[in-house]
């Protein structure tokens, strides 16, 4: 992104600390700049692959559970990880098209 210059370079520069967090603390070598992905969906929904899925707000047993936090989890059909505080459905977009990745 930085090599493209302009707004892409600005985003790349300001996203660097967030990328470091994902690499060092989460162990994943990349991330999607979530706000930009959401804006892309508003402008051109076909750039994302989305589906309505069941969700639940539950105690987080993975990342921040030890701090007493809850998380929003995408759930397999009719299956929950623990006791949901709230459940429902949401539009979930786990993948972006190749046009957003380049």
PDB file of N, CA and C in Angstrom:
ATOM      1  N   UNK A   1       0.824  -1.187   0.000  1.00  0.00           N
ATOM      2  CA  UNK A   1       0.000   0.000   0.000  1.00  0.00           C
ATOM      3  C   UNK A   1       0.869   1.253   0.000  1.00  0.00           C
ATOM      4  N   UNK A   2       1.949   1.175   0.757  1.00  0.00           N
ATOM      5  CA  UNK A   2       2.804   2.356   0.862  1.00  0.00           C
ATOM      6  C   UNK A   2       3.377   2.750  -0.496  1.00  0.00           C
ATOM      7  N   UNK A   3       3.713   1.756  -1.311  1.00  0.00           N
ATOM      8  CA  UNK A   3       4.311   2.019  -2.618  1.00  0.00           C
ATOM      9  C   UNK A   3       3.334   2.706  -3.577  1.00  0.00           C
ATOM     10  N   UNK A   4       2.048   2.589  -3.345  1.00  0.00           N
ATOM     11  CA  UNK A   4       1.062   3.222  -4.225  1.00  0.00           C
ATOM     12  C   UNK A   4       1.016   4.729  -4.033  1.00  0.00           C
ATOM     13  N   UNK A   5       1.492   5.217  -2.878  1.00  0.00           N
ATOM     14  CA  UNK A   5       1.460   6.651  -2.621  1.00  0.00           C
ATOM     15  C   UNK A   5       0.070   7.139  -2.274  1.00  0.00           C
ATOM     16  N   UNK A   6      -0.067   8.439  -2.099  1.00  0.00           N
ATOM     17  CA  UNK A   6      -1.355   9.066  -1.827  1.00  0.00           C
ATOM     18  C   UNK A   6      -2.041   8.520  -0.588  1.00  0.00           C
ATOM     19  N   UNK A   7      -3.370   8.360  -0.636  1.00  0.00           N
ATOM     20  CA  UNK A   7      -4.115   7.878   0.526  1.00  0.00           C
ATOM     21  C   UNK A   7      -3.682   6.487   0.984  1.00  0.00           C
ATOM     22  N   UNK A   8      -3.315   5.619   0.043  1.00  0.00           N
ATOM     23  CA  UNK A   8      -2.881   4.267   0.419  1.00  0.00           C
ATOM     24  C   UNK A   8      -1.609   4.328   1.271  1.00  0.00           C
ATOM     25  N   UNK A   9      -0.690   5.201   0.923  1.00  0.00           N
ATOM     26  CA  UNK A   9       0.540   5.355   1.709  1.00  0.00           C
ATOM     27  C   UNK A   9       0.228   5.889   3.105  1.00  0.00           C
ATOM     28  N   UNK A  10      -0.715   6.813   3.192  1.00  0.00           N
ATOM     29  CA  UNK A  10      -1.110   7.364   4.494  1.00  0.00           C
ATOM     30  C   UNK A  10      -1.679   6.259   5.382  1.00  0.00           C
ATOM     31  N   UNK A  11      -2.570   5.447   4.819  1.00  0.00           N
ATOM     32  CA  UNK A  11      -3.157   4.336   5.584  1.00  0.00           C
ATOM     33  C   UNK A  11      -2.069   3.362   6.009  1.00  0.00           C
ATOM     34  N   UNK A  12      -1.159   3.009   5.095  1.00  0.00           N
ATOM     35  CA  UNK A  12      -0.086   2.063   5.414  1.00  0.00           C
ATOM     36  C   UNK A  12       0.767   2.579   6.568  1.00  0.00           C
ATOM     37  N   UNK A  13       1.103   3.845   6.523  1.00  0.00           N
ATOM     38  CA  UNK A  13       1.925   4.432   7.581  1.00  0.00           C
ATOM     39  C   UNK A  13       1.213   4.380   8.936  1.00  0.00           C
ATOM     40  N   UNK A  14      -0.049   4.763   8.955  1.00  0.00           N
ATOM     41  CA  UNK A  14      -0.790   4.821  10.214  1.00  0.00           C
ATOM     42  C   UNK A  14      -1.239   3.446  10.702  1.00  0.00           C
ATOM     43  N   UNK A  15      -1.240   2.447   9.820  1.00  0.00           N
ATOM     44  CA  UNK A  15      -1.631   1.090  10.210  1.00  0.00           C
ATOM     45  C   UNK A  15      -0.455   0.267  10.717  1.00  0.00           C
ATOM     46  N   UNK A  16       0.747   0.775  10.567  1.00  0.00           N
ATOM     47  CA  UNK A  16       1.935   0.004  10.951  1.00  0.00           C
ATOM     48  C   UNK A  16       1.906  -0.478  12.412  1.00  0.00           C
ATOM     49  N   UNK A  17       1.537   0.358  13.394  1.00  0.00           N
ATOM     50  CA  UNK A  17       1.461  -0.143  14.778  1.00  0.00           C
ATOM     51  C   UNK A  17       0.408  -1.242  14.949  1.00  0.00           C
ATOM     52  N   UNK A  18      -0.698  -1.118  14.238  1.00  0.00           N
ATOM     53  CA  UNK A  18      -1.748  -2.142  14.316  1.00  0.00           C
ATOM     54  C   UNK A  18      -1.255  -3.454  13.715  1.00  0.00           C
ATOM     55  N   UNK A  19      -0.519  -3.382  12.606  1.00  0.00           N
ATOM     56  CA  UNK A  19       0.060  -4.577  12.004  1.00  0.00           C
ATOM     57  C   UNK A  19       1.056  -5.220  12.958  1.00  0.00           C
ATOM     58  N   UNK A  20       1.872  -4.421  13.613  1.00  0.00           N
ATOM     59  CA  UNK A  20       2.826  -4.961  14.589  1.00  0.00           C
ATOM     60  C   UNK A  20       2.104  -5.699  15.712  1.00  0.00           C
ATOM     61  N   UNK A  21       0.993  -5.124  16.172  1.00  0.00           N
ATOM     62  CA  UNK A  21       0.201  -5.786  17.214  1.00  0.00           C
ATOM     63  C   UNK A  21      -0.276  -7.147  16.731  1.00  0.00           C
ATOM     64  N   UNK A  22      -0.821  -7.232  15.523  1.00  0.00           N
ATOM     65  CA  UNK A  22      -1.323  -8.506  15.000  1.00  0.00           C
ATOM     66  C   UNK A  22      -0.188  -9.510  14.836  1.00  0.00           C
ATOM     67  N   UNK A  23       0.979  -9.056  14.403  1.00  0.00           N
ATOM     68  CA  UNK A  23       2.110  -9.963  14.216  1.00  0.00           C
ATOM     69  C   UNK A  23       2.662 -10.449  15.548  1.00  0.00           C
ATOM     70  N   UNK A  24       2.909  -9.530  16.468  1.00  0.00           N
ATOM     71  CA  UNK A  24       3.600  -9.863  17.713  1.00  0.00           C
ATOM     72  C   UNK A  24       2.679 -10.461  18.777  1.00  0.00           C
ATOM     73  N   UNK A  25       1.469  -9.933  18.909  1.00  0.00           N
ATOM     74  CA  UNK A  25       0.592 -10.367  19.991  1.00  0.00           C
ATOM     75  C   UNK A  25      -0.414 -11.434  19.576  1.00  0.00           C
ATOM     76  N   UNK A  26      -0.874 -11.400  18.355  1.00  0.00           N
ATOM     77  CA  UNK A  26      -1.886 -12.349  17.895  1.00  0.00           C
ATOM     78  C   UNK A  26      -1.245 -13.496  17.117  1.00  0.00           C
ATOM     79  N   UNK A  27      -0.095 -13.239  16.482  1.00  0.00           N
ATOM     80  CA  UNK A  27       0.599 -14.281  15.733  1.00  0.00           C
ATOM     81  C   UNK A  27       0.115 -14.447  14.304  1.00  0.00           C
ATOM     82  N   UNK A  28      -0.495 -13.406  13.756  1.00  0.00           N
ATOM     83  CA  UNK A  28      -0.963 -13.430  12.369  1.00  0.00           C
ATOM     84  C   UNK A  28      -0.196 -12.350  11.612  1.00  0.00           C
ATOM     85  N   UNK A  29       0.267 -12.689  10.425  1.00  0.00           N
ATOM     86  CA  UNK A  29       1.183 -11.813   9.697  1.00  0.00           C
ATOM     87  C   UNK A  29       0.495 -10.750   8.843  1.00  0.00           C
ATOM     88  N   UNK A  30      -0.797 -10.560   9.012  1.00  0.00           N
ATOM     89  CA  UNK A  30      -1.501  -9.551   8.228  1.00  0.00           C
ATOM     90  C   UNK A  30      -2.809  -9.204   8.927  1.00  0.00           C
ATOM     91  N   UNK A  31      -3.472  -8.163   8.455  1.00  0.00           N
ATOM     92  CA  UNK A  31      -4.797  -7.813   8.953  1.00  0.00           C
ATOM     93  C   UNK A  31      -5.483  -6.962   7.903  1.00  0.00           C
ATOM     94  N   UNK A  32      -6.800  -6.919   7.975  1.00  0.00           N
ATOM     95  CA  UNK A  32      -7.566  -6.012   7.131  1.00  0.00           C
ATOM     96  C   UNK A  32      -7.812  -4.743   7.920  1.00  0.00           C
ATOM     97  N   UNK A  33      -7.581  -3.572   7.334  1.00  0.00           N
ATOM     98  CA  UNK A  33      -7.957  -2.325   8.013  1.00  0.00           C
ATOM     99  C   UNK A  33      -9.489  -2.251   8.044  1.00  0.00           C
ATOM    100  N   UNK A  34     -10.068  -2.661   9.169  1.00  0.00           N
ATOM    101  CA  UNK A  34     -11.503  -2.909   9.275  1.00  0.00           C
ATOM    102  C   UNK A  34     -12.369  -1.746   8.807  1.00  0.00           C
ATOM    103  N   UNK A  35     -12.033  -0.531   9.196  1.00  0.00           N
ATOM    104  CA  UNK A  35     -12.858   0.616   8.810  1.00  0.00           C
ATOM    105  C   UNK A  35     -12.871   0.799   7.295  1.00  0.00           C
ATOM    106  N   UNK A  36     -11.741   0.577   6.653  1.00  0.00           N
ATOM    107  CA  UNK A  36     -11.685   0.714   5.203  1.00  0.00           C
ATOM    108  C   UNK A  36     -12.464  -0.396   4.513  1.00  0.00           C
ATOM    109  N   UNK A  37     -12.442  -1.586   5.098  1.00  0.00           N
ATOM    110  CA  UNK A  37     -13.218  -2.690   4.534  1.00  0.00           C
ATOM    111  C   UNK A  37     -14.707  -2.375   4.642  1.00  0.00           C
ATOM    112  N   UNK A  38     -15.135  -1.849   5.787  1.00  0.00           N
ATOM    113  CA  UNK A  38     -16.546  -1.472   5.955  1.00  0.00           C
ATOM    114  C   UNK A  38     -16.941  -0.391   4.952  1.00  0.00           C
ATOM    115  N   UNK A  39     -16.085   0.591   4.759  1.00  0.00           N
ATOM    116  CA  UNK A  39     -16.369   1.648   3.785  1.00  0.00           C
ATOM    117  C   UNK A  39     -16.450   1.068   2.373  1.00  0.00           C
ATOM    118  N   UNK A  40     -15.609   0.104   2.061  1.00  0.00           N
ATOM    119  CA  UNK A  40     -15.652  -0.543   0.747  1.00  0.00           C
ATOM    120  C   UNK A  40     -16.990  -1.224   0.526  1.00  0.00           C
ATOM    121  N   UNK A  41     -17.510  -1.857   1.582  1.00  0.00           N
ATOM    122  CA  UNK A  41     -18.809  -2.520   1.463  1.00  0.00           C
ATOM    123  C   UNK A  41     -19.913  -1.509   1.163  1.00  0.00           C
ATOM    124  N   UNK A  42     -19.862  -0.363   1.810  1.00  0.00           N
ATOM    125  CA  UNK A  42     -20.881   0.666   1.568  1.00  0.00           C
ATOM    126  C   UNK A  42     -20.819   1.148   0.124  1.00  0.00           C
ATOM    127  N   UNK A  43     -19.611   1.332  -0.388  1.00  0.00           N
ATOM    128  CA  UNK A  43     -19.429   1.867  -1.743  1.00  0.00           C
ATOM    129  C   UNK A  43     -19.702   0.805  -2.806  1.00  0.00           C
ATOM    130  N   UNK A  44     -19.177  -0.411  -2.596  1.00  0.00           N
ATOM    131  CA  UNK A  44     -19.324  -1.471  -3.600  1.00  0.00           C
ATOM    132  C   UNK A  44     -19.385  -2.829  -2.902  1.00  0.00           C
ATOM    133  N   UNK A  45     -20.591  -3.270  -2.476  1.00  0.00           N
ATOM    134  CA  UNK A  45     -20.743  -4.513  -1.718  1.00  0.00           C
ATOM    135  C   UNK A  45     -20.181  -5.751  -2.416  1.00  0.00           C
ATOM    136  N   UNK A  46     -20.106  -5.738  -3.735  1.00  0.00           N
ATOM    137  CA  UNK A  46     -19.611  -6.910  -4.455  1.00  0.00           C
ATOM    138  C   UNK A  46     -18.128  -7.180  -4.200  1.00  0.00           C
ATOM    139  N   UNK A  47     -17.423  -6.260  -3.552  1.00  0.00           N
ATOM    140  CA  UNK A  47     -15.999  -6.458  -3.253  1.00  0.00           C
ATOM    141  C   UNK A  47     -15.775  -7.356  -2.037  1.00  0.00           C
ATOM    142  N   UNK A  48     -16.856  -7.702  -1.340  1.00  0.00           N
ATOM    143  CA  UNK A  48     -16.739  -8.565  -0.169  1.00  0.00           C
ATOM    144  C   UNK A  48     -17.638  -9.783  -0.349  1.00  0.00           C
ATOM    145  N   UNK A  49     -17.251 -10.887   0.249  1.00  0.00           N
ATOM    146  CA  UNK A  49     -18.041 -12.107   0.222  1.00  0.00           C
ATOM    147  C   UNK A  49     -18.704 -12.224   1.581  1.00  0.00           C
ATOM    148  N   UNK A  50     -20.032 -12.091   1.599  1.00  0.00           N
ATOM    149  CA  UNK A  50     -20.771 -11.985   2.852  1.00  0.00           C
ATOM    150  C   UNK A  50     -21.907 -13.006   2.912  1.00  0.00           C
ATOM    151  N   UNK A  51     -22.342 -13.308   4.131  1.00  0.00           N
ATOM    152  CA  UNK A  51     -23.493 -14.177   4.356  1.00  0.00           C
ATOM    153  C   UNK A  51     -24.112 -13.813   5.693  1.00  0.00           C
ATOM    154  N   UNK A  52     -25.402 -14.046   5.822  1.00  0.00           N
ATOM    155  CA  UNK A  52     -26.050 -13.902   7.119  1.00  0.00           C
ATOM    156  C   UNK A  52     -25.715 -15.133   7.945  1.00  0.00           C
ATOM    157  N   UNK A  53     -25.195 -14.915   9.139  1.00  0.00           N
ATOM    158  CA  UNK A  53     -24.758 -16.021   9.990  1.00  0.00           C
ATOM    159  C   UNK A  53     -25.276 -15.828  11.412  1.00  0.00           C
ATOM    160  N   UNK A  54     -25.407 -16.932  12.168  1.00  0.00           N
ATOM    161  CA  UNK A  54     -25.768 -16.797  13.576  1.00  0.00           C
ATOM    162  C   UNK A  54     -24.580 -16.236  14.368  1.00  0.00           C
ATOM    163  N   UNK A  55     -24.873 -15.368  15.319  1.00  0.00           N
ATOM    164  CA  UNK A  55     -23.827 -14.780  16.162  1.00  0.00           C
ATOM    165  C   UNK A  55     -24.243 -14.867  17.621  1.00  0.00           C
ATOM    166  N   UNK A  56     -23.289 -14.686  18.507  1.00  0.00           N
ATOM    167  CA  UNK A  56     -23.586 -14.627  19.923  1.00  0.00           C
ATOM    168  C   UNK A  56     -22.578 -13.762  20.641  1.00  0.00           C
ATOM    169  N   UNK A  57     -23.040 -13.022  21.624  1.00  0.00           N
ATOM    170  CA  UNK A  57     -22.134 -12.308  22.517  1.00  0.00           C
ATOM    171  C   UNK A  57     -21.976 -13.201  23.741  1.00  0.00           C
ATOM    172  N   UNK A  58     -20.739 -13.607  24.000  1.00  0.00           N
ATOM    173  CA  UNK A  58     -20.456 -14.590  25.036  1.00  0.00           C
ATOM    174  C   UNK A  58     -19.201 -14.199  25.795  1.00  0.00           C
ATOM    175  N   UNK A  59     -18.965 -14.890  26.899  1.00  0.00           N
ATOM    176  CA  UNK A  59     -17.699 -14.719  27.608  1.00  0.00           C
ATOM    177  C   UNK A  59     -16.570 -15.123  26.672  1.00  0.00           C
ATOM    178  N   UNK A  60     -15.545 -14.307  26.602  1.00  0.00           N
ATOM    179  CA  UNK A  60     -14.410 -14.571  25.723  1.00  0.00           C
ATOM    180  C   UNK A  60     -13.478 -15.543  26.424  1.00  0.00           C
ATOM    181  N   UNK A  61     -13.413 -16.759  25.919  1.00  0.00           N
ATOM    182  CA  UNK A  61     -12.534 -17.763  26.518  1.00  0.00           C
ATOM    183  C   UNK A  61     -11.209 -17.863  25.785  1.00  0.00           C
ATOM    184  N   UNK A  62     -11.000 -17.000  24.785  1.00  0.00           N
ATOM    185  CA  UNK A  62      -9.792 -17.113  23.996  1.00  0.00           C
ATOM    186  C   UNK A  62      -8.825 -15.977  24.263  1.00  0.00           C
ATOM    187  N   UNK A  63      -9.122 -14.776  23.805  1.00  0.00           N
ATOM    188  CA  UNK A  63      -8.137 -13.707  23.822  1.00  0.00           C
ATOM    189  C   UNK A  63      -8.144 -12.886  25.101  1.00  0.00           C
ATOM    190  N   UNK A  64      -9.302 -12.357  25.498  1.00  0.00           N
ATOM    191  CA  UNK A  64      -9.358 -11.474  26.652  1.00  0.00           C
ATOM    192  C   UNK A  64     -10.243 -12.005  27.767  1.00  0.00           C
ATOM    193  N   UNK A  65     -10.594 -13.260  27.714  1.00  0.00           N
ATOM    194  CA  UNK A  65     -11.470 -13.840  28.728  1.00  0.00           C
ATOM    195  C   UNK A  65     -10.922 -13.729  30.134  1.00  0.00           C
ATOM    196  N   UNK A  66      -9.634 -13.832  30.281  1.00  0.00           N
ATOM    197  CA  UNK A  66      -9.030 -13.759  31.607  1.00  0.00           C
ATOM    198  C   UNK A  66      -9.212 -12.384  32.236  1.00  0.00           C
ATOM    199  N   UNK A  67      -9.575 -11.387  31.413  1.00  0.00           N
ATOM    200  CA  UNK A  67      -9.867 -10.053  31.938  1.00  0.00           C
ATOM    201  C   UNK A  67     -11.356  -9.851  32.190  1.00  0.00           C
ATOM    202  N   UNK A  68     -12.149 -10.890  31.921  1.00  0.00           N
ATOM    203  CA  UNK A  68     -13.584 -10.794  32.129  1.00  0.00           C
ATOM    204  C   UNK A  68     -14.341 -10.169  30.976  1.00  0.00           C
ATOM    205  N   UNK A  69     -13.734 -10.120  29.789  1.00  0.00           N
ATOM    206  CA  UNK A  69     -14.389  -9.509  28.642  1.00  0.00           C
ATOM    207  C   UNK A  69     -15.320 -10.488  27.934  1.00  0.00           C
ATOM    208  N   UNK A  70     -16.259  -9.915  27.211  1.00  0.00           N
ATOM    209  CA  UNK A  70     -17.119 -10.692  26.338  1.00  0.00           C
ATOM    210  C   UNK A  70     -16.758 -10.345  24.907  1.00  0.00           C
ATOM    211  N   UNK A  71     -17.086 -11.259  23.990  1.00  0.00           N
ATOM    212  CA  UNK A  71     -16.796 -11.023  22.590  1.00  0.00           C
ATOM    213  C   UNK A  71     -17.985 -11.347  21.721  1.00  0.00           C
ATOM    214  N   UNK A  72     -17.944 -10.854  20.500  1.00  0.00           N
ATOM    215  CA  UNK A  72     -18.953 -11.155  19.495  1.00  0.00           C
ATOM    216  C   UNK A  72     -18.395 -12.280  18.642  1.00  0.00           C
ATOM    217  N   UNK A  73     -19.079 -13.417  18.635  1.00  0.00           N
ATOM    218  CA  UNK A  73     -18.581 -14.598  17.947  1.00  0.00           C
ATOM    219  C   UNK A  73     -19.537 -15.053  16.868  1.00  0.00           C
ATOM    220  N   UNK A  74     -18.990 -15.438  15.721  1.00  0.00           N
ATOM    221  CA  UNK A  74     -19.756 -16.091  14.679  1.00  0.00           C
ATOM    222  C   UNK A  74     -19.875 -17.543  15.096  1.00  0.00           C
ATOM    223  N   UNK A  75     -21.092 -18.061  15.083  1.00  0.00           N
ATOM    224  CA  UNK A  75     -21.345 -19.401  15.599  1.00  0.00           C
ATOM    225  C   UNK A  75     -21.751 -20.367  14.489  1.00  0.00           C
ATOM    226  N   UNK A  76     -21.286 -21.613  14.575  1.00  0.00           N
ATOM    227  CA  UNK A  76     -21.848 -22.625  13.675  1.00  0.00           C
ATOM    228  C   UNK A  76     -23.342 -22.766  13.978  1.00  0.00           C
ATOM    229  N   UNK A  77     -24.105 -23.192  13.011  1.00  0.00           N
ATOM    230  CA  UNK A  77     -25.553 -23.314  13.201  1.00  0.00           C
ATOM    231  C   UNK A  77     -25.883 -24.126  14.454  1.00  0.00           C
ATOM    232  N   UNK A  78     -26.770 -23.577  15.250  1.00  0.00           N
ATOM    233  CA  UNK A  78     -27.321 -24.248  16.436  1.00  0.00           C
ATOM    234  C   UNK A  78     -26.244 -24.709  17.422  1.00  0.00           C
ATOM    235  N   UNK A  79     -25.122 -24.023  17.445  1.00  0.00           N
ATOM    236  CA  UNK A  79     -24.050 -24.417  18.353  1.00  0.00           C
ATOM    237  C   UNK A  79     -23.485 -23.166  19.004  1.00  0.00           C
ATOM    238  N   UNK A  80     -23.321 -23.181  20.306  1.00  0.00           N
ATOM    239  CA  UNK A  80     -22.710 -22.043  20.986  1.00  0.00           C
ATOM    240  C   UNK A  80     -21.497 -22.524  21.749  1.00  0.00           C
ATOM    241  N   UNK A  81     -20.557 -21.614  21.985  1.00  0.00           N
ATOM    242  CA  UNK A  81     -19.317 -21.954  22.670  1.00  0.00           C
ATOM    243  C   UNK A  81     -19.515 -22.004  24.174  1.00  0.00           C
ATOM    244  N   UNK A  82     -20.365 -21.174  24.681  1.00  0.00           N
ATOM    245  CA  UNK A  82     -20.643 -21.144  26.120  1.00  0.00           C
ATOM    246  C   UNK A  82     -22.093 -20.719  26.277  1.00  0.00           C
ATOM    247  N   UNK A  83     -22.375 -19.944  27.279  1.00  0.00           N
ATOM    248  CA  UNK A  83     -23.732 -19.434  27.453  1.00  0.00           C
ATOM    249  C   UNK A  83     -23.821 -18.039  26.856  1.00  0.00           C
ATOM    250  N   UNK A  84     -24.547 -17.891  25.761  1.00  0.00           N
ATOM    251  CA  UNK A  84     -24.622 -16.559  25.149  1.00  0.00           C
ATOM    252  C   UNK A  84     -25.408 -15.581  26.012  1.00  0.00           C
ATOM    253  N   UNK A  85     -24.931 -14.348  26.047  1.00  0.00           N
ATOM    254  CA  UNK A  85     -25.656 -13.266  26.699  1.00  0.00           C
ATOM    255  C   UNK A  85     -26.728 -12.773  25.747  1.00  0.00           C
ATOM    256  N   UNK A  86     -26.364 -12.676  24.479  1.00  0.00           N
ATOM    257  CA  UNK A  86     -27.264 -12.257  23.409  1.00  0.00           C
ATOM    258  C   UNK A  86     -26.942 -13.119  22.197  1.00  0.00           C
ATOM    259  N   UNK A  87     -27.959 -13.502  21.443  1.00  0.00           N
ATOM    260  CA  UNK A  87     -27.701 -14.218  20.198  1.00  0.00           C
ATOM    261  C   UNK A  87     -28.619 -13.649  19.123  1.00  0.00           C
ATOM    262  N   UNK A  88     -28.257 -13.865  17.893  1.00  0.00           N
ATOM    263  CA  UNK A  88     -29.025 -13.345  16.777  1.00  0.00           C
ATOM    264  C   UNK A  88     -28.333 -13.686  15.478  1.00  0.00           C
ATOM    265  N   UNK A  89     -28.439 -12.814  14.500  1.00  0.00           N
ATOM    266  CA  UNK A  89     -27.754 -13.021  13.232  1.00  0.00           C
ATOM    267  C   UNK A  89     -27.185 -11.690  12.763  1.00  0.00           C
ATOM    268  N   UNK A  90     -26.210 -11.792  11.880  1.00  0.00           N
ATOM    269  CA  UNK A  90     -25.560 -10.587  11.350  1.00  0.00           C
ATOM    270  C   UNK A  90     -24.994 -10.890   9.972  1.00  0.00           C
ATOM    271  N   UNK A  91     -24.760  -9.848   9.213  1.00  0.00           N
ATOM    272  CA  UNK A  91     -24.083  -9.985   7.936  1.00  0.00           C
ATOM    273  C   UNK A  91     -22.590 -10.101   8.232  1.00  0.00           C
ATOM    274  N   UNK A  92     -22.001 -11.221   7.894  1.00  0.00           N
ATOM    275  CA  UNK A  92     -20.593 -11.512   8.182  1.00  0.00           C
ATOM    276  C   UNK A  92     -19.844 -11.605   6.863  1.00  0.00           C
ATOM    277  N   UNK A  93     -18.750 -10.862   6.766  1.00  0.00           N
ATOM    278  CA  UNK A  93     -17.978 -10.796   5.529  1.00  0.00           C
ATOM    279  C   UNK A  93     -16.546 -11.253   5.828  1.00  0.00           C
ATOM    280  N   UNK A  94     -16.298 -12.558   5.797  1.00  0.00           N
ATOM    281  CA  UNK A  94     -14.979 -13.066   6.184  1.00  0.00           C
ATOM    282  C   UNK A  94     -13.901 -12.946   5.119  1.00  0.00           C
ATOM    283  N   UNK A  95     -14.279 -12.554   3.917  1.00  0.00           N
ATOM    284  CA  UNK A  95     -13.288 -12.525   2.843  1.00  0.00           C
ATOM    285  C   UNK A  95     -13.559 -11.339   1.916  1.00  0.00           C
ATOM    286  N   UNK A  96     -12.497 -10.762   1.410  1.00  0.00           N
ATOM    287  CA  UNK A  96     -12.613  -9.679   0.436  1.00  0.00           C
ATOM    288  C   UNK A  96     -12.147 -10.189  -0.922  1.00  0.00           C
ATOM    289  N   UNK A  97     -12.615  -9.531  -1.974  1.00  0.00           N
ATOM    290  CA  UNK A  97     -12.206  -9.944  -3.316  1.00  0.00           C
ATOM    291  C   UNK A  97     -10.737  -9.593  -3.540  1.00  0.00           C
ATOM    292  N   UNK A  98     -10.180 -10.182  -4.550  1.00  0.00           N
ATOM    293  CA  UNK A  98      -8.773  -9.919  -4.902  1.00  0.00           C
ATOM    294  C   UNK A  98      -8.546  -8.452  -5.212  1.00  0.00           C
ATOM    295  N   UNK A  99      -9.574  -7.744  -5.669  1.00  0.00           N
ATOM    296  CA  UNK A  99      -9.435  -6.330  -6.020  1.00  0.00           C
ATOM    297  C   UNK A  99      -9.115  -5.470  -4.792  1.00  0.00           C
ATOM    298  N   UNK A 100      -9.559  -5.873  -3.613  1.00  0.00           N
ATOM    299  CA  UNK A 100      -9.236  -5.134  -2.402  1.00  0.00           C
ATOM    300  C   UNK A 100      -7.899  -5.543  -1.806  1.00  0.00           C
ATOM    301  N   UNK A 101      -7.387  -6.669  -2.203  1.00  0.00           N
ATOM    302  CA  UNK A 101      -6.135  -7.176  -1.631  1.00  0.00           C
ATOM    303  C   UNK A 101      -4.914  -6.617  -2.341  1.00  0.00           C
ATOM    304  N   UNK A 102      -5.088  -6.018  -3.491  1.00  0.00           N
ATOM    305  CA  UNK A 102      -3.935  -5.519  -4.226  1.00  0.00           C
ATOM    306  C   UNK A 102      -3.838  -4.019  -4.165  1.00  0.00           C
TER     307      UNK A 102
END
